Structures are given as structure tokens and as C-alpha cells.
Amino acid sequence: MTKTDENFSHVSWKPGTMIYPLPAVLVSCGKSEDEYNLLTVSWVGTICTQPPLCYISIRTERHSYEIIKRTGEFVLNLTTEKLAFATDWCGVKSGKDHRKFEEMKLTPEKGKMVDAPIVKESPVCIECKVKEIVPLGTHHMFIAEVVNIQADPKFIDSKTGAMHLENAHLIAYSHGHYYKLGEEIGKFGWSVKKPDKKKKLPPKIQKDR
């Protein structure tokens, strides 16, 4: 940290990764049960809407790196408060030494469009196929196309088809720590929404009419 410049209200830090909070996802990979593995990734995000593209960035020394590079596919499994311990554990233990699904008592199920397994306990599982690998430095970025999404039906409104992930108790990652997500404070477009002209009249006026 540098000294505070009296001309600025903020303090300068050295350049680094400070875009937080981020998702903490369990990335599942492998084409057969004997190589199924889980990796925790927070360098993850959306790149494009159509076609639906996302990315994960992984260190080359990670066990899952070679699996994903060879198979060309993976699944992003969103994580919840109940999965928090497994999420952290899978991020610090290596698949070279551990059978992560078994040790964390998680259930692998076949993907519909990929051979990589989904995590049954995850509310949303995003199946991806790698389109490009970009070497960057400490991490290589896997750019992938979303080819299918599997979601737990208990979070989907049976009447409207809307997904209510606020009921899934998702977690986020920020600078080495995991957090619960808070309450909704708005929705997209609410800042420019025009007032409803059909305002209800006060009860007394309605009664008089």
C-alpha cells in the first residue's frame, strides 16, 4: 500500500485482482468415473449472450487443467451454503491424491450434452464445451460455449418458468473469504422505471366515490 496523496480521497494499491465478489463454482470434469474430478474456481464469468459463452481461468499445474484440456469440456456447478465446506476443500486438495466426489459425499451424474459429470447437489449445473484456450500468465483461460443447463426443479416456478435462485442460498467469494448473498435491493431497469400512473386513490376517497 502506498502513502495517501492529500489530493485524493482514496489510497493506492499495487495492481492486482480486486474485482470482487465473484461466484465460487465447483468445476467438474472427466469423461469416465475413474477420472472424475472437482476443482473450485472463482476466475469465472460470462463473455457473450449469443452464442452463450463463458470462461474459467485455471493454473496450468492444477490436476484438472490437463483433464479439461484433453477432454474439451467441463461443467460449472453453482454452490450454496450447504456446499461451502466442499467448495473450499475441493479448492485446496488435489485430484491427484483424492477422490473428491467420494470424500465430500457428492453425487456425480452424467451430463446431457457432455461426458463430464454434474454435481447433483448443485442447484444449477452449466454444461460447457471448450472453444479456445488462451495462455495468459499464471492462468490459462478456457473460453467455452454453454451447451446445456440442468437446474433443480424446486427452484423453478412451475407456472411461469422463472428461476428463483434467491431460494438456493448461493455463496460468493471475495478476497479469500466466502459470503452468503444478501437480500434483493432492486432489479435490472428499476432505476429508470416510470412511476405507475394508475395509482390507487386513498381509501377515504375510494369510499366517498
C-alpha atoms as a PDB file:
ATOM      1  CA  MET A   1       0.000   0.000   0.000  1.00  0.00           C
ATOM      2  CA  THR A   2       1.323   3.438  -0.895  1.00  0.00           C
ATOM      3  CA  LYS A   3       1.025   6.635   1.084  1.00  0.00           C
ATOM      4  CA  THR A   4      -2.179   8.587   0.814  1.00  0.00           C
ATOM      5  CA  ASP A   5      -1.906  11.549  -1.537  1.00  0.00           C
ATOM      6  CA  GLU A   6      -3.519  14.555   0.092  1.00  0.00           C
ATOM      7  CA  ASN A   7      -5.092  15.406  -3.280  1.00  0.00           C
ATOM      8  CA  PHE A   8      -7.039  12.130  -3.398  1.00  0.00           C
ATOM      9  CA  SER A   9      -9.588  10.621  -1.042  1.00  0.00           C
ATOM     10  CA  HIS A  10      -8.588   7.026  -1.866  1.00  0.00           C
ATOM     11  CA  VAL A  11      -5.421   5.056  -1.118  1.00  0.00           C
ATOM     12  CA  SER A  12      -3.416   3.495  -3.974  1.00  0.00           C
ATOM     13  CA  TRP A  13      -2.658  -0.229  -4.022  1.00  0.00           C
ATOM     14  CA  LYS A  14      -0.381  -2.157  -6.335  1.00  0.00           C
ATOM     15  CA  PRO A  15      -2.152  -3.636  -9.397  1.00  0.00           C
ATOM     16  CA  GLY A  16      -3.885  -6.903  -8.609  1.00  0.00           C
ATOM     17  CA  THR A  17      -7.100  -8.915  -8.756  1.00  0.00           C
ATOM     18  CA  MET A  18      -9.656  -6.826  -6.889  1.00  0.00           C
ATOM     19  CA  ILE A  19     -12.834  -7.476  -8.863  1.00  0.00           C
ATOM     20  CA  TYR A  20     -14.984  -8.876  -6.067  1.00  0.00           C
ATOM     21  CA  PRO A  21     -17.301 -10.500  -5.141  1.00  0.00           C
ATOM     22  CA  LEU A  22     -17.260 -13.417  -7.565  1.00  0.00           C
ATOM     23  CA  PRO A  23     -19.008 -16.777  -7.782  1.00  0.00           C
ATOM     24  CA  ALA A  24     -17.262 -19.753  -6.222  1.00  0.00           C
ATOM     25  CA  VAL A  25     -18.140 -22.612  -8.561  1.00  0.00           C
ATOM     26  CA  LEU A  26     -17.330 -26.290  -8.459  1.00  0.00           C
ATOM     27  CA  VAL A  27     -15.988 -27.242 -11.870  1.00  0.00           C
ATOM     28  CA  SER A  28     -16.489 -30.916 -12.635  1.00  0.00           C
ATOM     29  CA  CYS A  29     -14.564 -32.687 -15.371  1.00  0.00           C
ATOM     30  CA  GLY A  30     -13.530 -36.084 -16.719  1.00  0.00           C
ATOM     31  CA  LYS A  31     -15.041 -38.487 -19.256  1.00  0.00           C
ATOM     32  CA  SER A  32     -15.112 -41.609 -17.085  1.00  0.00           C
ATOM     33  CA  GLU A  33     -15.765 -42.319 -13.410  1.00  0.00           C
ATOM     34  CA  ASP A  34     -12.158 -43.226 -12.728  1.00  0.00           C
ATOM     35  CA  GLU A  35     -11.011 -39.716 -13.668  1.00  0.00           C
ATOM     36  CA  TYR A  36     -13.942 -37.613 -12.444  1.00  0.00           C
ATOM     37  CA  ASN A  37     -12.609 -34.596 -10.587  1.00  0.00           C
ATOM     38  CA  LEU A  38     -13.751 -31.364  -8.968  1.00  0.00           C
ATOM     39  CA  LEU A  39     -11.972 -28.027  -8.962  1.00  0.00           C
ATOM     40  CA  THR A  40     -13.035 -24.823  -7.227  1.00  0.00           C
ATOM     41  CA  VAL A  41     -12.816 -21.767  -9.481  1.00  0.00           C
ATOM     42  CA  SER A  42     -13.631 -18.113  -8.887  1.00  0.00           C
ATOM     43  CA  TRP A  43     -11.962 -16.763 -12.016  1.00  0.00           C
ATOM     44  CA  VAL A  44     -15.179 -17.439 -13.912  1.00  0.00           C
ATOM     45  CA  GLY A  45     -17.700 -15.389 -15.819  1.00  0.00           C
ATOM     46  CA  THR A  46     -19.915 -14.672 -18.808  1.00  0.00           C
ATOM     47  CA  ILE A  47     -18.346 -13.473 -22.068  1.00  0.00           C
ATOM     48  CA  CYS A  48     -21.226 -13.361 -24.542  1.00  0.00           C
ATOM     49  CA  THR A  49     -25.004 -13.789 -24.603  1.00  0.00           C
ATOM     50  CA  GLN A  50     -25.458 -15.167 -28.134  1.00  0.00           C
ATOM     51  CA  PRO A  51     -23.840 -17.544 -28.568  1.00  0.00           C
ATOM     52  CA  PRO A  52     -23.754 -18.190 -24.803  1.00  0.00           C
ATOM     53  CA  LEU A  53     -20.064 -18.137 -23.906  1.00  0.00           C
ATOM     54  CA  CYS A  54     -18.337 -18.273 -20.545  1.00  0.00           C
ATOM     55  CA  TYR A  55     -14.811 -18.715 -19.257  1.00  0.00           C
ATOM     56  CA  ILE A  56     -12.783 -20.219 -16.455  1.00  0.00           C
ATOM     57  CA  SER A  57      -9.132 -19.457 -15.775  1.00  0.00           C
ATOM     58  CA  ILE A  58      -7.000 -22.241 -14.290  1.00  0.00           C
ATOM     59  CA  ARG A  59      -3.378 -22.555 -13.239  1.00  0.00           C
ATOM     60  CA  THR A  60      -1.541 -24.971 -15.521  1.00  0.00           C
ATOM     61  CA  GLU A  61      -0.232 -27.035 -12.606  1.00  0.00           C
ATOM     62  CA  ARG A  62      -3.723 -27.947 -11.407  1.00  0.00           C
ATOM     63  CA  HIS A  63      -4.737 -31.578 -11.907  1.00  0.00           C
ATOM     64  CA  SER A  64      -7.962 -30.579 -13.667  1.00  0.00           C
ATOM     65  CA  TYR A  65      -6.114 -28.429 -16.191  1.00  0.00           C
ATOM     66  CA  GLU A  66      -4.885 -31.394 -18.234  1.00  0.00           C
ATOM     67  CA  ILE A  67      -8.226 -33.199 -17.952  1.00  0.00           C
ATOM     68  CA  ILE A  68     -10.183 -30.235 -19.309  1.00  0.00           C
ATOM     69  CA  LYS A  69      -7.557 -29.527 -21.967  1.00  0.00           C
ATOM     70  CA  ARG A  70      -7.712 -33.141 -23.181  1.00  0.00           C
ATOM     71  CA  THR A  71     -11.473 -33.684 -22.990  1.00  0.00           C
ATOM     72  CA  GLY A  72     -12.514 -30.206 -24.109  1.00  0.00           C
ATOM     73  CA  GLU A  73     -15.446 -29.967 -21.719  1.00  0.00           C
ATOM     74  CA  PHE A  74     -16.464 -29.206 -18.149  1.00  0.00           C
ATOM     75  CA  VAL A  75     -19.474 -28.338 -16.004  1.00  0.00           C
ATOM     76  CA  LEU A  76     -19.930 -25.236 -13.852  1.00  0.00           C
ATOM     77  CA  ASN A  77     -21.855 -26.169 -10.705  1.00  0.00           C
ATOM     78  CA  LEU A  78     -23.178 -23.239  -8.687  1.00  0.00           C
ATOM     79  CA  THR A  79     -22.539 -23.547  -4.960  1.00  0.00           C
ATOM     80  CA  THR A  80     -24.682 -22.994  -1.884  1.00  0.00           C
ATOM     81  CA  GLU A  81     -24.225 -22.548   1.840  1.00  0.00           C
ATOM     82  CA  LYS A  82     -24.596 -26.311   2.265  1.00  0.00           C
ATOM     83  CA  LEU A  83     -21.813 -26.840  -0.285  1.00  0.00           C
ATOM     84  CA  ALA A  84     -19.475 -24.227   1.227  1.00  0.00           C
ATOM     85  CA  PHE A  85     -17.207 -26.710   3.030  1.00  0.00           C
ATOM     86  CA  ALA A  86     -16.889 -28.934  -0.041  1.00  0.00           C
ATOM     87  CA  THR A  87     -16.294 -25.879  -2.214  1.00  0.00           C
ATOM     88  CA  ASP A  88     -13.318 -24.791  -0.144  1.00  0.00           C
ATOM     89  CA  TRP A  89     -11.981 -28.322   0.347  1.00  0.00           C
ATOM     90  CA  CYS A  90     -12.042 -29.075  -3.379  1.00  0.00           C
ATOM     91  CA  GLY A  91     -10.057 -25.892  -3.960  1.00  0.00           C
ATOM     92  CA  VAL A  92      -7.166 -26.823  -1.680  1.00  0.00           C
ATOM     93  CA  LYS A  93      -6.937 -30.582  -2.252  1.00  0.00           C
ATOM     94  CA  SER A  94      -5.573 -32.160  -5.430  1.00  0.00           C
ATOM     95  CA  GLY A  95      -7.377 -34.716  -7.542  1.00  0.00           C
ATOM     96  CA  LYS A  96      -4.039 -36.496  -7.858  1.00  0.00           C
ATOM     97  CA  ASP A  97      -4.371 -37.575  -4.232  1.00  0.00           C
ATOM     98  CA  HIS A  98      -8.107 -37.551  -3.543  1.00  0.00           C
ATOM     99  CA  ARG A  99     -11.366 -38.892  -4.918  1.00  0.00           C
ATOM    100  CA  LYS A 100     -13.195 -35.650  -4.307  1.00  0.00           C
ATOM    101  CA  PHE A 101     -16.726 -36.757  -5.133  1.00  0.00           C
ATOM    102  CA  GLU A 102     -16.441 -39.683  -2.739  1.00  0.00           C
ATOM    103  CA  GLU A 103     -14.678 -37.856   0.079  1.00  0.00           C
ATOM    104  CA  MET A 104     -17.102 -34.929   0.018  1.00  0.00           C
ATOM    105  CA  LYS A 105     -20.078 -37.284  -0.390  1.00  0.00           C
ATOM    106  CA  LEU A 106     -21.186 -35.531  -3.572  1.00  0.00           C
ATOM    107  CA  THR A 107     -23.125 -37.288  -6.309  1.00  0.00           C
ATOM    108  CA  PRO A 108     -21.823 -37.319  -9.897  1.00  0.00           C
ATOM    109  CA  GLU A 109     -24.470 -37.626 -12.583  1.00  0.00           C
ATOM    110  CA  LYS A 110     -23.937 -37.746 -16.329  1.00  0.00           C
ATOM    111  CA  GLY A 111     -24.252 -34.534 -18.261  1.00  0.00           C
ATOM    112  CA  LYS A 112     -26.782 -34.482 -21.085  1.00  0.00           C
ATOM    113  CA  MET A 113     -24.568 -32.823 -23.703  1.00  0.00           C
ATOM    114  CA  VAL A 114     -21.122 -33.564 -22.247  1.00  0.00           C
ATOM    115  CA  ASP A 115     -19.451 -36.610 -20.739  1.00  0.00           C
ATOM    116  CA  ALA A 116     -18.270 -34.602 -17.737  1.00  0.00           C
ATOM    117  CA  PRO A 117     -20.468 -35.175 -14.665  1.00  0.00           C
ATOM    118  CA  ILE A 118     -22.712 -32.665 -12.969  1.00  0.00           C
ATOM    119  CA  VAL A 119     -22.881 -32.309  -9.181  1.00  0.00           C
ATOM    120  CA  LYS A 120     -26.384 -33.468  -8.242  1.00  0.00           C
ATOM    121  CA  GLU A 121     -26.378 -31.356  -5.070  1.00  0.00           C
ATOM    122  CA  SER A 122     -25.850 -28.133  -7.045  1.00  0.00           C
ATOM    123  CA  PRO A 123     -28.971 -26.064  -7.874  1.00  0.00           C
ATOM    124  CA  VAL A 124     -27.697 -25.173 -11.353  1.00  0.00           C
ATOM    125  CA  CYS A 125     -25.221 -27.130 -13.488  1.00  0.00           C
ATOM    126  CA  ILE A 126     -23.921 -25.460 -16.654  1.00  0.00           C
ATOM    127  CA  GLU A 127     -22.524 -27.852 -19.257  1.00  0.00           C
ATOM    128  CA  CYS A 128     -19.737 -26.347 -21.361  1.00  0.00           C
ATOM    129  CA  LYS A 129     -17.583 -27.272 -24.349  1.00  0.00           C
ATOM    130  CA  VAL A 130     -14.204 -25.599 -24.779  1.00  0.00           C
ATOM    131  CA  LYS A 131     -13.780 -23.457 -27.884  1.00  0.00           C
ATOM    132  CA  GLU A 132     -10.393 -21.891 -27.186  1.00  0.00           C
ATOM    133  CA  ILE A 133      -7.581 -21.919 -24.625  1.00  0.00           C
ATOM    134  CA  VAL A 134      -5.804 -18.607 -24.114  1.00  0.00           C
ATOM    135  CA  PRO A 135      -2.400 -18.668 -22.323  1.00  0.00           C
ATOM    136  CA  LEU A 136      -2.197 -15.539 -20.169  1.00  0.00           C
ATOM    137  CA  GLY A 137       0.389 -15.954 -17.421  1.00  0.00           C
ATOM    138  CA  THR A 138      -0.204 -17.731 -14.130  1.00  0.00           C
ATOM    139  CA  HIS A 139      -3.541 -18.869 -15.551  1.00  0.00           C
ATOM    140  CA  HIS A 140      -4.827 -20.100 -18.891  1.00  0.00           C
ATOM    141  CA  MET A 141      -8.326 -19.037 -19.885  1.00  0.00           C
ATOM    142  CA  PHE A 142     -10.720 -21.683 -21.194  1.00  0.00           C
ATOM    143  CA  ILE A 143     -13.335 -19.995 -23.375  1.00  0.00           C
ATOM    144  CA  ALA A 144     -16.331 -22.289 -23.654  1.00  0.00           C
ATOM    145  CA  GLU A 145     -19.807 -22.484 -25.127  1.00  0.00           C
ATOM    146  CA  VAL A 146     -22.726 -23.312 -22.869  1.00  0.00           C
ATOM    147  CA  VAL A 147     -24.405 -26.331 -24.475  1.00  0.00           C
ATOM    148  CA  ASN A 148     -26.924 -27.227 -21.772  1.00  0.00           C
ATOM    149  CA  ILE A 149     -28.129 -26.214 -18.323  1.00  0.00           C
ATOM    150  CA  GLN A 150     -29.553 -28.578 -15.729  1.00  0.00           C
ATOM    151  CA  ALA A 151     -31.478 -26.966 -12.873  1.00  0.00           C
ATOM    152  CA  ASP A 152     -33.112 -28.313  -9.742  1.00  0.00           C
ATOM    153  CA  PRO A 153     -36.874 -28.044 -10.417  1.00  0.00           C
ATOM    154  CA  LYS A 154     -37.603 -26.904  -6.877  1.00  0.00           C
ATOM    155  CA  PHE A 155     -36.109 -23.519  -7.778  1.00  0.00           C
ATOM    156  CA  ILE A 156     -38.224 -23.112 -10.926  1.00  0.00           C
ATOM    157  CA  ASP A 157     -41.711 -21.594 -10.865  1.00  0.00           C
ATOM    158  CA  SER A 158     -43.967 -24.250 -12.383  1.00  0.00           C
ATOM    159  CA  LYS A 159     -46.380 -21.601 -13.691  1.00  0.00           C
ATOM    160  CA  THR A 160     -44.035 -19.002 -15.178  1.00  0.00           C
ATOM    161  CA  GLY A 161     -40.837 -20.997 -15.707  1.00  0.00           C
ATOM    162  CA  ALA A 162     -38.896 -18.308 -13.839  1.00  0.00           C
ATOM    163  CA  MET A 163     -35.895 -19.413 -11.829  1.00  0.00           C
ATOM    164  CA  HIS A 164     -35.814 -18.331  -8.178  1.00  0.00           C
ATOM    165  CA  LEU A 165     -32.186 -18.732  -7.174  1.00  0.00           C
ATOM    166  CA  GLU A 166     -32.744 -16.433  -4.204  1.00  0.00           C
ATOM    167  CA  ASN A 167     -34.113 -19.557  -2.523  1.00  0.00           C
ATOM    168  CA  ALA A 168     -30.975 -21.584  -3.250  1.00  0.00           C
ATOM    169  CA  HIS A 169     -28.773 -19.751  -0.704  1.00  0.00           C
ATOM    170  CA  LEU A 170     -25.892 -19.268  -3.127  1.00  0.00           C
ATOM    171  CA  ILE A 171     -22.474 -18.172  -1.884  1.00  0.00           C
ATOM    172  CA  ALA A 172     -19.907 -15.723  -3.220  1.00  0.00           C
ATOM    173  CA  TYR A 173     -16.130 -15.380  -2.896  1.00  0.00           C
ATOM    174  CA  SER A 174     -14.321 -12.166  -2.024  1.00  0.00           C
ATOM    175  CA  HIS A 175     -10.588 -11.795  -1.420  1.00  0.00           C
ATOM    176  CA  GLY A 176     -10.086 -15.182   0.206  1.00  0.00           C
ATOM    177  CA  HIS A 177     -13.415 -15.380   2.028  1.00  0.00           C
ATOM    178  CA  TYR A 178     -16.826 -16.921   1.342  1.00  0.00           C
ATOM    179  CA  TYR A 179     -20.043 -14.996   1.926  1.00  0.00           C
ATOM    180  CA  LYS A 180     -23.775 -15.545   1.957  1.00  0.00           C
ATOM    181  CA  LEU A 181     -25.687 -13.473  -0.570  1.00  0.00           C
ATOM    182  CA  GLY A 182     -27.883 -10.739   0.889  1.00  0.00           C
ATOM    183  CA  GLU A 183     -31.381  -9.539   0.147  1.00  0.00           C
ATOM    184  CA  GLU A 184     -32.521  -8.100  -3.169  1.00  0.00           C
ATOM    185  CA  ILE A 185     -32.285  -4.298  -3.366  1.00  0.00           C
ATOM    186  CA  GLY A 186     -33.555  -3.818  -6.913  1.00  0.00           C
ATOM    187  CA  LYS A 187     -33.855  -5.378 -10.341  1.00  0.00           C
ATOM    188  CA  PHE A 188     -32.499  -4.508 -13.781  1.00  0.00           C
ATOM    189  CA  GLY A 189     -34.082  -1.297 -15.044  1.00  0.00           C
ATOM    190  CA  TRP A 190     -35.710  -0.235 -11.795  1.00  0.00           C
ATOM    191  CA  SER A 191     -33.658   2.982 -11.682  1.00  0.00           C
ATOM    192  CA  VAL A 192     -35.336   4.309 -14.844  1.00  0.00           C
ATOM    193  CA  LYS A 193     -38.771   2.789 -14.407  1.00  0.00           C
ATOM    194  CA  LYS A 194     -41.552   5.334 -14.824  1.00  0.00           C
ATOM    195  CA  PRO A 195     -43.993   5.768 -11.937  1.00  0.00           C
ATOM    196  CA  ASP A 196     -47.227   3.843 -12.239  1.00  0.00           C
ATOM    197  CA  LYS A 197     -49.848   6.338 -13.418  1.00  0.00           C
ATOM    198  CA  LYS A 198     -52.649   4.126 -12.184  1.00  0.00           C
ATOM    199  CA  LYS A 199     -52.041   4.956  -8.573  1.00  0.00           C
ATOM    200  CA  LYS A 200     -54.661   3.811  -6.151  1.00  0.00           C
ATOM    201  CA  LEU A 201     -56.708   6.541  -4.554  1.00  0.00           C
ATOM    202  CA  PRO A 202     -56.562   6.899  -0.785  1.00  0.00           C
ATOM    203  CA  PRO A 203     -59.098   4.635   0.974  1.00  0.00           C
ATOM    204  CA  LYS A 204     -61.273   7.584   2.071  1.00  0.00           C
ATOM    205  CA  ILE A 205     -61.632   8.936  -1.485  1.00  0.00           C
ATOM    206  CA  GLN A 206     -62.448   5.474  -2.812  1.00  0.00           C
ATOM    207  CA  LYS A 207     -65.139   5.115  -0.167  1.00  0.00           C
ATOM    208  CA  ASP A 208     -66.660   8.501  -0.982  1.00  0.00           C
ATOM    209  CA  ARG A 209     -66.955   7.520  -4.639  1.00  0.00           C
END
